[in-house]
N, C-alpha and C. Protein backbone atom coordinates (compact mmCIF):
# COMPACT_ATOMS: atom_id res chain seq x y z
N MET A 1 -42.29 -3.35 -7.31
CA MET A 1 -42.06 -1.93 -8.61
C MET A 1 -43.51 -1.05 -8.94
N ASP A 2 -43.00 -0.01 -9.20
CA ASP A 2 -44.23 0.86 -9.57
C ASP A 2 -44.13 0.70 -11.20
N ALA A 3 -45.47 1.29 -11.98
CA ALA A 3 -45.70 0.93 -13.01
C ALA A 3 -44.64 1.64 -13.99
N PRO A 4 -44.55 1.73 -14.90
CA PRO A 4 -43.33 2.21 -16.03
C PRO A 4 -43.74 3.60 -16.53
N THR A 5 -43.37 4.84 -16.20
CA THR A 5 -43.59 5.73 -16.91
C THR A 5 -42.56 6.41 -17.93
N PRO A 6 -42.89 7.37 -18.43
CA PRO A 6 -41.97 8.56 -19.34
C PRO A 6 -40.83 8.56 -18.52
N ASP A 7 -41.22 9.11 -17.57
CA ASP A 7 -39.64 9.50 -16.46
C ASP A 7 -38.86 7.81 -16.02
N ASN A 8 -39.62 6.85 -15.63
CA ASN A 8 -38.92 5.96 -15.26
C ASN A 8 -38.28 4.63 -16.44
N ALA A 9 -38.69 5.01 -17.14
CA ALA A 9 -38.87 3.72 -18.21
C ALA A 9 -37.22 3.45 -18.85
N TYR A 10 -37.01 4.83 -18.97
CA TYR A 10 -35.83 4.83 -19.97
C TYR A 10 -34.56 4.07 -19.27
N PRO A 11 -34.39 4.03 -18.07
CA PRO A 11 -33.11 3.85 -16.55
C PRO A 11 -33.26 2.49 -16.56
N ILE A 12 -34.82 2.07 -16.50
CA ILE A 12 -35.07 0.59 -16.37
C ILE A 12 -34.65 0.00 -17.53
N ILE A 13 -34.87 0.47 -18.58
CA ILE A 13 -34.78 -0.53 -19.89
C ILE A 13 -33.01 -0.42 -19.94
N LYS A 14 -32.36 1.03 -19.70
CA LYS A 14 -31.32 1.20 -19.89
C LYS A 14 -30.15 -0.20 -19.08
N ASP A 15 -30.68 -0.38 -17.76
CA ASP A 15 -30.14 -1.08 -17.18
C ASP A 15 -30.18 -2.72 -17.32
N MET A 16 -31.77 -2.99 -17.54
CA MET A 16 -31.64 -4.16 -18.68
C MET A 16 -30.92 -4.79 -19.55
N ALA A 17 -30.71 -3.50 -20.25
CA ALA A 17 -29.65 -3.77 -21.40
C ALA A 17 -28.07 -3.61 -21.07
N LEU A 18 -27.68 -3.08 -20.48
CA LEU A 18 -26.42 -3.17 -20.23
C LEU A 18 -25.65 -4.41 -19.08
N CYS A 19 -27.08 -4.89 -18.29
CA CYS A 19 -27.01 -5.98 -18.19
C CYS A 19 -26.99 -7.71 -19.16
N TYR A 20 -27.73 -7.36 -20.12
CA TYR A 20 -27.84 -8.05 -21.03
C TYR A 20 -26.27 -8.09 -21.98
N VAL A 21 -25.76 -7.00 -22.03
CA VAL A 21 -24.58 -7.10 -22.79
C VAL A 21 -23.36 -7.75 -21.98
N GLU A 22 -23.56 -7.26 -20.88
CA GLU A 22 -22.29 -7.83 -19.70
C GLU A 22 -22.28 -9.47 -19.94
N HIS A 23 -23.51 -10.25 -20.49
CA HIS A 23 -23.36 -11.46 -20.86
C HIS A 23 -22.73 -11.95 -22.70
N HIS A 24 -23.28 -10.69 -23.18
CA HIS A 24 -23.59 -11.10 -24.62
C HIS A 24 -22.75 -10.02 -25.45
N PRO A 25 -21.46 -9.77 -25.21
CA PRO A 25 -20.81 -8.24 -25.48
C PRO A 25 -20.74 -7.93 -27.17
N GLU A 26 -21.21 -9.43 -27.87
CA GLU A 26 -21.10 -9.28 -29.54
C GLU A 26 -22.14 -8.33 -29.71
N GLU A 27 -23.63 -8.28 -28.72
CA GLU A 27 -24.84 -7.38 -28.81
C GLU A 27 -24.17 -5.74 -28.61
N LEU A 28 -23.19 -5.15 -28.14
CA LEU A 28 -22.94 -4.21 -28.02
C LEU A 28 -23.43 -3.42 -29.09
N ASP A 29 -23.35 -3.21 -30.43
CA ASP A 29 -24.00 -2.30 -30.84
C ASP A 29 -25.37 -2.03 -31.37
N ASN A 30 -25.77 -3.43 -31.54
CA ASN A 30 -27.16 -3.44 -31.55
C ASN A 30 -27.82 -2.93 -30.26
N CYS A 31 -26.96 -3.31 -29.04
CA CYS A 31 -27.67 -2.47 -27.53
C CYS A 31 -27.51 -1.15 -27.82
N ARG A 32 -26.62 -0.56 -28.58
CA ARG A 32 -26.28 0.83 -28.23
C ARG A 32 -27.24 1.67 -28.97
N LYS A 33 -28.05 1.04 -30.28
CA LYS A 33 -29.29 1.88 -31.00
C LYS A 33 -30.07 1.31 -30.43
N PHE A 34 -30.51 0.17 -30.10
CA PHE A 34 -31.91 0.16 -29.44
C PHE A 34 -32.25 0.61 -28.35
N LEU A 35 -31.37 1.45 -27.13
CA LEU A 35 -31.17 2.16 -26.26
C LEU A 35 -31.41 3.85 -26.90
N ALA A 36 -30.85 4.66 -27.89
CA ALA A 36 -30.92 5.29 -29.17
C ALA A 36 -32.46 5.37 -29.23
N ASP A 37 -33.03 4.39 -29.66
CA ASP A 37 -34.24 4.09 -29.86
C ASP A 37 -35.03 4.40 -29.07
N MET A 38 -34.67 3.78 -27.81
CA MET A 38 -36.09 3.77 -26.39
C MET A 38 -36.17 5.74 -26.02
N GLN A 39 -34.36 5.81 -26.00
CA GLN A 39 -34.54 6.96 -25.87
C GLN A 39 -35.46 8.53 -26.28
N TYR A 40 -35.45 7.90 -27.99
CA TYR A 40 -36.16 8.83 -28.40
C TYR A 40 -37.32 8.42 -28.53
N LEU A 41 -38.17 7.05 -28.25
CA LEU A 41 -39.50 7.06 -28.25
C LEU A 41 -40.16 7.33 -26.54
N THR A 42 -38.78 7.70 -25.93
CA THR A 42 -39.33 7.88 -24.70
C THR A 42 -39.51 9.79 -24.65
N LEU A 43 -39.17 10.38 -24.92
CA LEU A 43 -39.14 12.08 -25.02
C LEU A 43 -40.16 11.97 -26.22
N GLN A 44 -40.66 11.11 -26.77
CA GLN A 44 -41.73 11.64 -28.13
C GLN A 44 -43.21 10.76 -26.67
N CYS A 45 -43.12 10.05 -26.42
CA CYS A 45 -44.28 9.87 -24.82
C CYS A 45 -44.77 11.07 -24.43
N LYS A 46 -43.35 11.81 -23.88
CA LYS A 46 -43.76 13.25 -22.80
C LYS A 46 -44.25 14.11 -23.62
N GLU A 47 -43.57 14.44 -24.87
CA GLU A 47 -44.29 15.64 -25.78
C GLU A 47 -45.55 14.91 -25.95
N PHE A 48 -45.96 13.71 -26.04
CA PHE A 48 -47.60 13.53 -26.96
C PHE A 48 -48.09 13.50 -25.32
N ALA A 49 -47.78 13.42 -24.21
CA ALA A 49 -48.80 13.52 -23.07
C ALA A 49 -48.77 14.89 -22.97
N ALA A 50 -47.76 15.62 -22.90
CA ALA A 50 -47.85 17.47 -22.83
C ALA A 50 -49.21 17.58 -23.41
N MET A 51 -48.96 17.30 -25.03
CA MET A 51 -50.20 18.07 -26.21
C MET A 51 -51.72 17.20 -25.80
N TYR A 52 -51.31 16.30 -25.36
CA TYR A 52 -52.77 15.88 -24.89
C TYR A 52 -53.63 16.36 -23.64
N ASN A 53 -52.43 16.47 -23.11
CA ASN A 53 -53.13 17.13 -21.69
C ASN A 53 -53.10 18.82 -21.89
N GLU A 54 -52.93 19.33 -22.77
CA GLU A 54 -53.23 20.98 -22.93
C GLU A 54 -54.67 20.52 -24.10
N TYR A 55 -54.64 19.61 -24.87
CA TYR A 55 -55.92 19.24 -25.41
C TYR A 55 -57.02 19.53 -24.59
N ILE A 56 -56.79 18.23 -23.78
CA ILE A 56 -58.39 17.72 -22.53
C ILE A 56 -58.31 19.26 -21.92
N SER A 57 -57.26 20.02 -21.28
CA SER A 57 -58.11 21.22 -20.79
C SER A 57 -58.43 22.26 -21.40
N SER A 58 -58.60 22.41 -22.66
CA SER A 58 -59.39 23.79 -23.48
C SER A 58 -60.64 22.89 -23.47
N MET A 59 -60.69 21.77 -23.13
CA MET A 59 -62.33 20.89 -23.58
C MET A 59 -63.07 22.01 -22.54
N PRO A 60 -64.39 21.86 -22.81
CA PRO A 60 -65.59 22.26 -22.03
C PRO A 60 -66.23 21.84 -20.86
N PRO A 61 -66.53 21.90 -20.03
CA PRO A 61 -66.99 21.07 -18.90
C PRO A 61 -67.59 20.02 -19.34
N GLY A 62 -67.61 18.46 -19.05
CA GLY A 62 -68.54 17.54 -19.47
C GLY A 62 -68.18 17.35 -20.74
N PHE A 63 -67.64 17.72 -21.63
CA PHE A 63 -67.47 17.21 -22.98
C PHE A 63 -66.79 15.76 -23.22
N VAL A 64 -65.81 15.57 -22.36
CA VAL A 64 -64.97 14.30 -22.34
C VAL A 64 -64.54 14.30 -21.32
N THR A 65 -64.40 13.06 -20.96
CA THR A 65 -63.65 12.74 -19.62
C THR A 65 -62.26 13.01 -19.13
N LYS A 66 -61.87 14.22 -18.52
CA LYS A 66 -60.76 14.91 -18.54
C LYS A 66 -59.86 13.83 -17.61
N LYS A 67 -59.18 12.60 -18.17
CA LYS A 67 -58.21 12.01 -17.77
C LYS A 67 -56.94 12.42 -18.64
N LYS A 68 -55.91 13.07 -17.44
CA LYS A 68 -54.70 13.87 -18.07
C LYS A 68 -53.53 12.63 -17.90
N LEU A 69 -52.91 12.38 -18.85
CA LEU A 69 -51.48 11.27 -18.93
C LEU A 69 -50.50 11.76 -17.56
N LYS A 70 -49.93 10.80 -17.50
CA LYS A 70 -48.56 11.14 -16.55
C LYS A 70 -47.64 11.82 -17.61
N PRO A 71 -47.29 13.13 -17.03
CA PRO A 71 -45.90 13.58 -18.06
C PRO A 71 -44.92 13.30 -17.92
């Protein structure tokens, strides 16, 4: 399995949560809230990576290690 990225993390988490709810239906409401939180955090990670990459791109050569984040 590849390392999670903002693009593939949410579907993995969602699949795991749905599997859990199959065995624990009483947790459905908690699971829905958890998935909404994870979807929001995934979006925040993508936005942060875009801002960070823009910042790094504006630095003069040699100022910092120019390692970009995966969007």
